[in-house]
Amino acid sequence: MTQAQHIIVVDDEQPAREMVGDYLRMHGFSVSLCDGGDSLRKTIAQQVPDLIVLDLNMPEEDGLSIIRDLKRRTSVPIIMLTATASAIDRVVGLELGADDYLAKPCELRELLARVRSVLRRSSAVQPVAQPAAAGPQAAPASARVRFGTKWLDHDAQALRDDEGNEHPLTASEYGLLKVFAANPKRVLSRDRLLELANARDAEAFDRAIDLRIMRIRRKIEPDPARPSVIRTVRGGGYLFSPTGEAPALD
């Protein structure tokens, strides 16, 4: 029997977290409820979850500081819930590594859809057969790909430097790197990137794709201010240049 995926719901308001928890349990998930950052950290110390649903607006420790702390130590996917629906909070949260967001009060069916979407993006990579014809691909054939100053390890879904140190990736960042690895020296539009990364149903991913590229560049580019590994092609999208040299474009 397959073990249920574990989700932690963090909200300082008991009725809200219990309502979300009950709904997720009803749809087959194992759920832990936390009232803030301290109880979240204690729960994670006992069992690392598959996903965290996190309220941003809490009195003792706000959600953004919790995201910042968690992403230093773990790559667990995070969905933000925000009552203010502040654009600044959403952008900062996404830059810190959150994977999606939803405004409160939220439709529980939409939250469930976003939970499933983020979990799909963060699930283990399945073996992919070699394509018979050339064309944009969703997954690479090689298990280890060089991205500037780092190596992308597909088996571990990890980004490592030459000394073997791991640098955390969010599920959406890994999804983008996986697509670039499969399509070197090919210009990919934002729409094509979203399609190949299986993120078409993730509104936050769509809105923040440029921010995610910027975050990735900070991790892999020798000089993030002058990107040479993942280039912006004006009017076209983005291009992965494995050698960091300017390719000839068709």
C-alpha atoms as a PDB file:
ATOM      1  CA  MET A   1       0.000   0.000   0.000  1.00  0.00           C
ATOM      2  CA  THR A   2       1.377   3.413  -0.987  1.00  0.00           C
ATOM      3  CA  GLN A   3       2.091   5.719   1.931  1.00  0.00           C
ATOM      4  CA  ALA A   4       0.061   8.934   1.942  1.00  0.00           C
ATOM      5  CA  GLN A   5       1.991  12.104   1.152  1.00  0.00           C
ATOM      6  CA  HIS A   6       2.575  14.219   4.236  1.00  0.00           C
ATOM      7  CA  ILE A   7       1.553  17.902   4.292  1.00  0.00           C
ATOM      8  CA  ILE A   8       2.083  20.392   7.121  1.00  0.00           C
ATOM      9  CA  VAL A   9      -0.490  23.197   7.394  1.00  0.00           C
ATOM     10  CA  VAL A  10       0.787  26.267   9.280  1.00  0.00           C
ATOM     11  CA  ASP A  11      -1.736  28.897  10.393  1.00  0.00           C
ATOM     12  CA  ASP A  12      -2.112  30.729  13.710  1.00  0.00           C
ATOM     13  CA  GLU A  13      -5.914  30.628  13.371  1.00  0.00           C
ATOM     14  CA  GLN A  14      -7.141  27.237  14.605  1.00  0.00           C
ATOM     15  CA  PRO A  15     -10.413  27.115  12.588  1.00  0.00           C
ATOM     16  CA  ALA A  16      -8.570  27.932   9.355  1.00  0.00           C
ATOM     17  CA  ARG A  17      -5.830  25.328   9.764  1.00  0.00           C
ATOM     18  CA  GLU A  18      -8.309  22.651  10.871  1.00  0.00           C
ATOM     19  CA  MET A  19     -10.556  23.341   7.889  1.00  0.00           C
ATOM     20  CA  VAL A  20      -7.638  23.044   5.437  1.00  0.00           C
ATOM     21  CA  GLY A  21      -6.286  19.985   7.259  1.00  0.00           C
ATOM     22  CA  ASP A  22      -9.626  18.179   7.244  1.00  0.00           C
ATOM     23  CA  TYR A  23     -10.102  18.866   3.533  1.00  0.00           C
ATOM     24  CA  LEU A  24      -6.641  17.548   2.611  1.00  0.00           C
ATOM     25  CA  ARG A  25      -7.150  14.432   4.773  1.00  0.00           C
ATOM     26  CA  MET A  26     -10.459  13.845   3.020  1.00  0.00           C
ATOM     27  CA  HIS A  27      -8.510  13.680  -0.248  1.00  0.00           C
ATOM     28  CA  GLY A  28      -5.990  11.125   0.959  1.00  0.00           C
ATOM     29  CA  PHE A  29      -3.138  13.161   2.445  1.00  0.00           C
ATOM     30  CA  SER A  30      -1.487  12.737   5.828  1.00  0.00           C
ATOM     31  CA  VAL A  31      -1.656  16.128   7.567  1.00  0.00           C
ATOM     32  CA  SER A  32       0.063  17.772  10.535  1.00  0.00           C
ATOM     33  CA  LEU A  33      -1.224  21.092  11.905  1.00  0.00           C
ATOM     34  CA  CYS A  34       1.063  23.808  13.291  1.00  0.00           C
ATOM     35  CA  ASP A  35       0.261  27.202  14.807  1.00  0.00           C
ATOM     36  CA  GLY A  36       3.552  28.899  13.923  1.00  0.00           C
ATOM     37  CA  GLY A  37       7.254  28.649  13.150  1.00  0.00           C
ATOM     38  CA  ASP A  38       8.313  26.930  16.391  1.00  0.00           C
ATOM     39  CA  SER A  39       5.815  24.086  16.127  1.00  0.00           C
ATOM     40  CA  LEU A  40       6.607  23.755  12.395  1.00  0.00           C
ATOM     41  CA  ARG A  41      10.315  23.269  13.095  1.00  0.00           C
ATOM     42  CA  LYS A  42       9.585  20.697  15.807  1.00  0.00           C
ATOM     43  CA  THR A  43       7.323  18.772  13.431  1.00  0.00           C
ATOM     44  CA  ILE A  44       9.908  18.837  10.621  1.00  0.00           C
ATOM     45  CA  ALA A  45      12.571  17.566  13.039  1.00  0.00           C
ATOM     46  CA  GLN A  46      10.443  14.458  13.540  1.00  0.00           C
ATOM     47  CA  GLN A  47       9.414  13.955   9.908  1.00  0.00           C
ATOM     48  CA  VAL A  48      10.261  15.959   6.779  1.00  0.00           C
ATOM     49  CA  PRO A  49       6.994  16.594   4.903  1.00  0.00           C
ATOM     50  CA  ASP A  50       6.308  16.397   1.195  1.00  0.00           C
ATOM     51  CA  LEU A  51       4.857  19.925   1.171  1.00  0.00           C
ATOM     52  CA  ILE A  52       4.062  22.853   3.487  1.00  0.00           C
ATOM     53  CA  VAL A  53       0.978  25.091   3.258  1.00  0.00           C
ATOM     54  CA  LEU A  54       2.033  28.279   5.050  1.00  0.00           C
ATOM     55  CA  ASP A  55       0.042  31.332   6.151  1.00  0.00           C
ATOM     56  CA  LEU A  56       2.152  34.471   5.634  1.00  0.00           C
ATOM     57  CA  ASN A  57       0.363  36.689   8.136  1.00  0.00           C
ATOM     58  CA  MET A  58       1.097  35.371  11.628  1.00  0.00           C
ATOM     59  CA  PRO A  59       1.738  37.493  14.750  1.00  0.00           C
ATOM     60  CA  GLU A  60       4.818  35.858  16.291  1.00  0.00           C
ATOM     61  CA  GLU A  61       6.902  35.086  13.188  1.00  0.00           C
ATOM     62  CA  ASP A  62       5.757  36.080   9.725  1.00  0.00           C
ATOM     63  CA  GLY A  63       5.674  33.533   6.922  1.00  0.00           C
ATOM     64  CA  LEU A  64       8.379  35.207   4.862  1.00  0.00           C
ATOM     65  CA  SER A  65      10.978  34.807   7.620  1.00  0.00           C
ATOM     66  CA  ILE A  66       9.894  31.158   7.999  1.00  0.00           C
ATOM     67  CA  ILE A  67      10.362  30.603   4.239  1.00  0.00           C
ATOM     68  CA  ARG A  68      13.812  32.217   4.380  1.00  0.00           C
ATOM     69  CA  ASP A  69      14.875  29.963   7.252  1.00  0.00           C
ATOM     70  CA  LEU A  70      13.434  26.766   5.760  1.00  0.00           C
ATOM     71  CA  LYS A  71      14.985  27.265   2.333  1.00  0.00           C
ATOM     72  CA  ARG A  72      18.442  27.567   3.899  1.00  0.00           C
ATOM     73  CA  ARG A  73      18.063  24.035   5.250  1.00  0.00           C
ATOM     74  CA  THR A  74      15.593  22.160   3.060  1.00  0.00           C
ATOM     75  CA  SER A  75      14.061  22.010  -0.410  1.00  0.00           C
ATOM     76  CA  VAL A  76      10.534  21.096   0.782  1.00  0.00           C
ATOM     77  CA  PRO A  77       7.947  22.752  -1.517  1.00  0.00           C
ATOM     78  CA  ILE A  78       5.938  25.605   0.041  1.00  0.00           C
ATOM     79  CA  ILE A  79       2.569  27.052  -0.918  1.00  0.00           C
ATOM     80  CA  MET A  80       1.944  30.491   0.591  1.00  0.00           C
ATOM     81  CA  LEU A  81      -1.474  31.607   1.814  1.00  0.00           C
ATOM     82  CA  THR A  82      -1.881  35.367   2.183  1.00  0.00           C
ATOM     83  CA  ALA A  83      -4.935  37.274   3.396  1.00  0.00           C
ATOM     84  CA  THR A  84      -3.609  40.594   2.104  1.00  0.00           C
ATOM     85  CA  ALA A  85      -2.875  39.218  -1.394  1.00  0.00           C
ATOM     86  CA  SER A  86      -0.009  41.735  -1.396  1.00  0.00           C
ATOM     87  CA  ALA A  87       1.957  41.669  -4.635  1.00  0.00           C
ATOM     88  CA  ILE A  88       5.126  42.540  -2.702  1.00  0.00           C
ATOM     89  CA  ASP A  89       4.652  39.630  -0.287  1.00  0.00           C
ATOM     90  CA  ARG A  90       4.040  37.235  -3.164  1.00  0.00           C
ATOM     91  CA  VAL A  91       7.104  38.369  -5.113  1.00  0.00           C
ATOM     92  CA  VAL A  92       9.371  38.283  -2.044  1.00  0.00           C
ATOM     93  CA  GLY A  93       8.050  34.850  -1.092  1.00  0.00           C
ATOM     94  CA  LEU A  94       8.674  33.492  -4.584  1.00  0.00           C
ATOM     95  CA  GLU A  95      12.165  34.987  -4.637  1.00  0.00           C
ATOM     96  CA  LEU A  96      12.894  33.341  -1.281  1.00  0.00           C
ATOM     97  CA  GLY A  97      11.970  29.974  -2.790  1.00  0.00           C
ATOM     98  CA  ALA A  98       8.225  29.424  -2.298  1.00  0.00           C
ATOM     99  CA  ASP A  99       6.636  27.385  -5.079  1.00  0.00           C
ATOM    100  CA  ASP A 100       3.138  28.861  -5.313  1.00  0.00           C
ATOM    101  CA  TYR A 101       0.697  31.184  -3.558  1.00  0.00           C
ATOM    102  CA  LEU A 102      -3.011  31.568  -2.993  1.00  0.00           C
ATOM    103  CA  ALA A 103      -5.026  34.467  -1.537  1.00  0.00           C
ATOM    104  CA  LYS A 104      -7.153  33.926   1.586  1.00  0.00           C
ATOM    105  CA  PRO A 105      -9.975  33.165   1.922  1.00  0.00           C
ATOM    106  CA  CYS A 106      -9.274  30.516  -0.687  1.00  0.00           C
ATOM    107  CA  GLU A 107     -11.442  28.011  -2.493  1.00  0.00           C
ATOM    108  CA  LEU A 108     -10.412  24.649  -1.055  1.00  0.00           C
ATOM    109  CA  ARG A 109     -10.738  22.931  -4.414  1.00  0.00           C
ATOM    110  CA  GLU A 110      -8.229  25.384  -5.891  1.00  0.00           C
ATOM    111  CA  LEU A 111      -5.848  24.842  -2.988  1.00  0.00           C
ATOM    112  CA  LEU A 112      -6.092  21.082  -3.564  1.00  0.00           C
ATOM    113  CA  ALA A 113      -5.319  21.552  -7.272  1.00  0.00           C
ATOM    114  CA  ARG A 114      -2.264  23.656  -6.453  1.00  0.00           C
ATOM    115  CA  VAL A 115      -1.074  21.152  -3.855  1.00  0.00           C
ATOM    116  CA  ARG A 116      -1.258  18.364  -6.418  1.00  0.00           C
ATOM    117  CA  SER A 117       0.454  20.516  -9.054  1.00  0.00           C
ATOM    118  CA  VAL A 118       3.395  21.406  -6.806  1.00  0.00           C
ATOM    119  CA  LEU A 119       3.755  17.802  -5.656  1.00  0.00           C
ATOM    120  CA  ARG A 120       3.868  16.650  -9.297  1.00  0.00           C
ATOM    121  CA  ARG A 121       6.641  19.120 -10.047  1.00  0.00           C
ATOM    122  CA  SER A 122       8.645  18.004  -7.027  1.00  0.00           C
ATOM    123  CA  SER A 123       8.177  14.273  -7.570  1.00  0.00           C
ATOM    124  CA  ALA A 124      11.073  12.031  -8.525  1.00  0.00           C
ATOM    125  CA  VAL A 125      12.260  12.096 -12.108  1.00  0.00           C
ATOM    126  CA  GLN A 126      11.160   9.097 -14.134  1.00  0.00           C
ATOM    127  CA  PRO A 127      13.542   7.497 -16.687  1.00  0.00           C
ATOM    128  CA  VAL A 128      13.040   9.002 -20.120  1.00  0.00           C
ATOM    129  CA  ALA A 129      13.666   7.167 -23.390  1.00  0.00           C
ATOM    130  CA  GLN A 130      15.727   8.800 -26.116  1.00  0.00           C
ATOM    131  CA  PRO A 131      13.477  10.661 -28.603  1.00  0.00           C
ATOM    132  CA  ALA A 132      13.332   9.405 -32.155  1.00  0.00           C
ATOM    133  CA  ALA A 133      13.198  12.890 -33.670  1.00  0.00           C
ATOM    134  CA  ALA A 134      14.819  16.184 -32.797  1.00  0.00           C
ATOM    135  CA  GLY A 135      12.667  18.710 -30.971  1.00  0.00           C
ATOM    136  CA  PRO A 136      12.186  20.364 -27.583  1.00  0.00           C
ATOM    137  CA  GLN A 137      12.175  17.763 -24.827  1.00  0.00           C
ATOM    138  CA  ALA A 138      10.824  17.792 -21.284  1.00  0.00           C
ATOM    139  CA  ALA A 139      13.591  15.721 -19.645  1.00  0.00           C
ATOM    140  CA  PRO A 140      17.320  15.178 -20.280  1.00  0.00           C
ATOM    141  CA  ALA A 141      19.041  11.928 -21.104  1.00  0.00           C
ATOM    142  CA  SER A 142      22.175  12.557 -19.022  1.00  0.00           C
ATOM    143  CA  ALA A 143      22.057  12.175 -15.243  1.00  0.00           C
ATOM    144  CA  ARG A 144      24.599  14.977 -14.656  1.00  0.00           C
ATOM    145  CA  VAL A 145      24.732  18.278 -16.555  1.00  0.00           C
ATOM    146  CA  ARG A 146      27.109  21.205 -16.209  1.00  0.00           C
ATOM    147  CA  PHE A 147      25.455  24.576 -15.573  1.00  0.00           C
ATOM    148  CA  GLY A 148      28.142  27.239 -15.287  1.00  0.00           C
ATOM    149  CA  THR A 149      29.742  26.962 -11.845  1.00  0.00           C
ATOM    150  CA  LYS A 150      27.560  24.014 -10.779  1.00  0.00           C
ATOM    151  CA  TRP A 151      26.495  20.488 -11.743  1.00  0.00           C
ATOM    152  CA  LEU A 152      22.835  19.462 -11.958  1.00  0.00           C
ATOM    153  CA  ASP A 153      22.432  15.938 -10.558  1.00  0.00           C
ATOM    154  CA  HIS A 154      19.169  14.523 -11.931  1.00  0.00           C
ATOM    155  CA  ASP A 155      19.219  11.372  -9.818  1.00  0.00           C
ATOM    156  CA  ALA A 156      19.316  13.428  -6.610  1.00  0.00           C
ATOM    157  CA  GLN A 157      17.476  16.446  -8.058  1.00  0.00           C
ATOM    158  CA  ALA A 158      20.301  18.542  -6.625  1.00  0.00           C
ATOM    159  CA  LEU A 159      22.624  21.320  -7.693  1.00  0.00           C
ATOM    160  CA  ARG A 160      26.241  20.769  -6.620  1.00  0.00           C
ATOM    161  CA  ASP A 161      29.491  22.681  -6.907  1.00  0.00           C
ATOM    162  CA  ASP A 162      32.833  21.138  -7.864  1.00  0.00           C
ATOM    163  CA  GLU A 163      33.522  20.274  -4.211  1.00  0.00           C
ATOM    164  CA  GLY A 164      30.284  18.299  -4.005  1.00  0.00           C
ATOM    165  CA  ASN A 165      28.447  20.801  -1.804  1.00  0.00           C
ATOM    166  CA  GLU A 166      24.700  20.879  -2.437  1.00  0.00           C
ATOM    167  CA  HIS A 167      22.917  24.150  -3.231  1.00  0.00           C
ATOM    168  CA  PRO A 168      19.136  24.000  -2.570  1.00  0.00           C
ATOM    169  CA  LEU A 169      16.702  24.112  -5.487  1.00  0.00           C
ATOM    170  CA  THR A 170      12.961  24.646  -5.359  1.00  0.00           C
ATOM    171  CA  ALA A 171      10.800  22.243  -7.348  1.00  0.00           C
ATOM    172  CA  SER A 172      10.092  24.914  -9.962  1.00  0.00           C
ATOM    173  CA  GLU A 173      13.785  25.836 -10.315  1.00  0.00           C
ATOM    174  CA  TYR A 174      14.651  22.195 -10.843  1.00  0.00           C
ATOM    175  CA  GLY A 175      11.863  21.914 -13.416  1.00  0.00           C
ATOM    176  CA  LEU A 176      13.346  24.787 -15.423  1.00  0.00           C
ATOM    177  CA  LEU A 177      16.919  23.457 -15.229  1.00  0.00           C
ATOM    178  CA  LYS A 178      15.707  20.022 -16.326  1.00  0.00           C
ATOM    179  CA  VAL A 179      14.099  21.556 -19.421  1.00  0.00           C
ATOM    180  CA  PHE A 180      17.194  23.618 -20.247  1.00  0.00           C
ATOM    181  CA  ALA A 181      19.397  20.529 -19.864  1.00  0.00           C
ATOM    182  CA  ALA A 182      17.262  18.697 -22.420  1.00  0.00           C
ATOM    183  CA  ASN A 183      17.355  21.592 -24.875  1.00  0.00           C
ATOM    184  CA  PRO A 184      20.872  23.049 -25.065  1.00  0.00           C
ATOM    185  CA  LYS A 185      21.463  25.868 -27.564  1.00  0.00           C
ATOM    186  CA  ARG A 186      17.736  26.070 -28.297  1.00  0.00           C
ATOM    187  CA  VAL A 187      15.725  29.253 -27.785  1.00  0.00           C
ATOM    188  CA  LEU A 188      12.700  28.489 -25.596  1.00  0.00           C
ATOM    189  CA  SER A 189       9.868  30.953 -25.162  1.00  0.00           C
ATOM    190  CA  ARG A 190       8.295  31.454 -21.748  1.00  0.00           C
ATOM    191  CA  ASP A 191       5.190  29.585 -22.900  1.00  0.00           C
ATOM    192  CA  ARG A 192       7.324  26.658 -24.125  1.00  0.00           C
ATOM    193  CA  LEU A 193       9.272  26.577 -20.862  1.00  0.00           C
ATOM    194  CA  LEU A 194       6.046  26.453 -18.875  1.00  0.00           C
ATOM    195  CA  GLU A 195       4.664  23.691 -21.082  1.00  0.00           C
ATOM    196  CA  LEU A 196       7.777  21.515 -20.881  1.00  0.00           C
ATOM    197  CA  ALA A 197       8.122  22.088 -17.123  1.00  0.00           C
ATOM    198  CA  ASN A 198       4.524  20.871 -16.647  1.00  0.00           C
ATOM    199  CA  ALA A 199       3.671  24.160 -14.953  1.00  0.00           C
ATOM    200  CA  ARG A 200       0.865  25.428 -17.130  1.00  0.00           C
ATOM    201  CA  ASP A 201      -1.613  25.034 -14.248  1.00  0.00           C
ATOM    202  CA  ALA A 202       0.554  26.937 -11.771  1.00  0.00           C
ATOM    203  CA  GLU A 203      -0.399  30.609 -11.990  1.00  0.00           C
ATOM    204  CA  ALA A 204       2.366  31.772  -9.683  1.00  0.00           C
ATOM    205  CA  PHE A 205       4.999  29.918 -11.698  1.00  0.00           C
ATOM    206  CA  ASP A 206       3.770  31.647 -14.854  1.00  0.00           C
ATOM    207  CA  ARG A 207       3.842  35.094 -13.297  1.00  0.00           C
ATOM    208  CA  ALA A 208       7.247  34.666 -11.715  1.00  0.00           C
ATOM    209  CA  ILE A 209       9.235  32.811 -14.373  1.00  0.00           C
ATOM    210  CA  ASP A 210      11.641  35.738 -14.888  1.00  0.00           C
ATOM    211  CA  LEU A 211      12.237  35.920 -11.123  1.00  0.00           C
ATOM    212  CA  ARG A 212      13.013  32.204 -11.068  1.00  0.00           C
ATOM    213  CA  ILE A 213      15.478  32.565 -13.928  1.00  0.00           C
ATOM    214  CA  MET A 214      17.124  35.410 -12.019  1.00  0.00           C
ATOM    215  CA  ARG A 215      17.416  33.198  -8.899  1.00  0.00           C
ATOM    216  CA  ILE A 216      18.883  30.349 -10.928  1.00  0.00           C
ATOM    217  CA  ARG A 217      21.444  32.692 -12.480  1.00  0.00           C
ATOM    218  CA  ARG A 218      22.624  33.764  -9.033  1.00  0.00           C
ATOM    219  CA  LYS A 219      23.405  30.117  -8.319  1.00  0.00           C
ATOM    220  CA  ILE A 220      25.064  29.036 -11.578  1.00  0.00           C
ATOM    221  CA  GLU A 221      26.456  32.027 -13.478  1.00  0.00           C
ATOM    222  CA  PRO A 222      30.126  32.997 -13.077  1.00  0.00           C
ATOM    223  CA  ASP A 223      28.878  36.605 -13.294  1.00  0.00           C
ATOM    224  CA  PRO A 224      25.096  36.840 -12.689  1.00  0.00           C
ATOM    225  CA  ALA A 225      25.107  40.475 -13.868  1.00  0.00           C
ATOM    226  CA  ARG A 226      26.331  39.259 -17.281  1.00  0.00           C
ATOM    227  CA  PRO A 227      24.676  35.847 -17.745  1.00  0.00           C
ATOM    228  CA  SER A 228      26.464  33.589 -20.200  1.00  0.00           C
ATOM    229  CA  VAL A 229      24.958  30.186 -19.315  1.00  0.00           C
ATOM    230  CA  ILE A 230      21.239  31.013 -19.451  1.00  0.00           C
ATOM    231  CA  ARG A 231      20.875  33.892 -21.866  1.00  0.00           C
ATOM    232  CA  THR A 232      17.947  36.164 -22.577  1.00  0.00           C
ATOM    233  CA  VAL A 233      17.076  36.252 -26.267  1.00  0.00           C
ATOM    234  CA  ARG A 234      15.199  39.462 -26.959  1.00  0.00           C
ATOM    235  CA  GLY A 235      11.756  38.726 -28.328  1.00  0.00           C
ATOM    236  CA  GLY A 236      12.395  34.979 -28.092  1.00  0.00           C
ATOM    237  CA  GLY A 237      12.804  33.790 -24.527  1.00  0.00           C
ATOM    238  CA  TYR A 238      15.791  32.024 -22.963  1.00  0.00           C
ATOM    239  CA  LEU A 239      18.673  29.912 -24.250  1.00  0.00           C
ATOM    240  CA  PHE A 240      20.936  27.502 -22.356  1.00  0.00           C
ATOM    241  CA  SER A 241      24.536  27.659 -23.558  1.00  0.00           C
ATOM    242  CA  PRO A 242      26.464  24.794 -21.894  1.00  0.00           C
ATOM    243  CA  THR A 243      29.872  26.262 -22.716  1.00  0.00           C
ATOM    244  CA  GLY A 244      28.933  29.771 -21.669  1.00  0.00           C
ATOM    245  CA  GLU A 245      29.858  31.026 -25.123  1.00  0.00           C
ATOM    246  CA  ALA A 246      27.580  33.009 -27.372  1.00  0.00           C
ATOM    247  CA  PRO A 247      26.014  30.544 -29.861  1.00  0.00           C
ATOM    248  CA  ALA A 248      25.065  31.327 -33.417  1.00  0.00           C
ATOM    249  CA  LEU A 249      21.289  31.766 -33.552  1.00  0.00           C
ATOM    250  CA  ASP A 250      19.210  30.701 -36.535  1.00  0.00           C
END
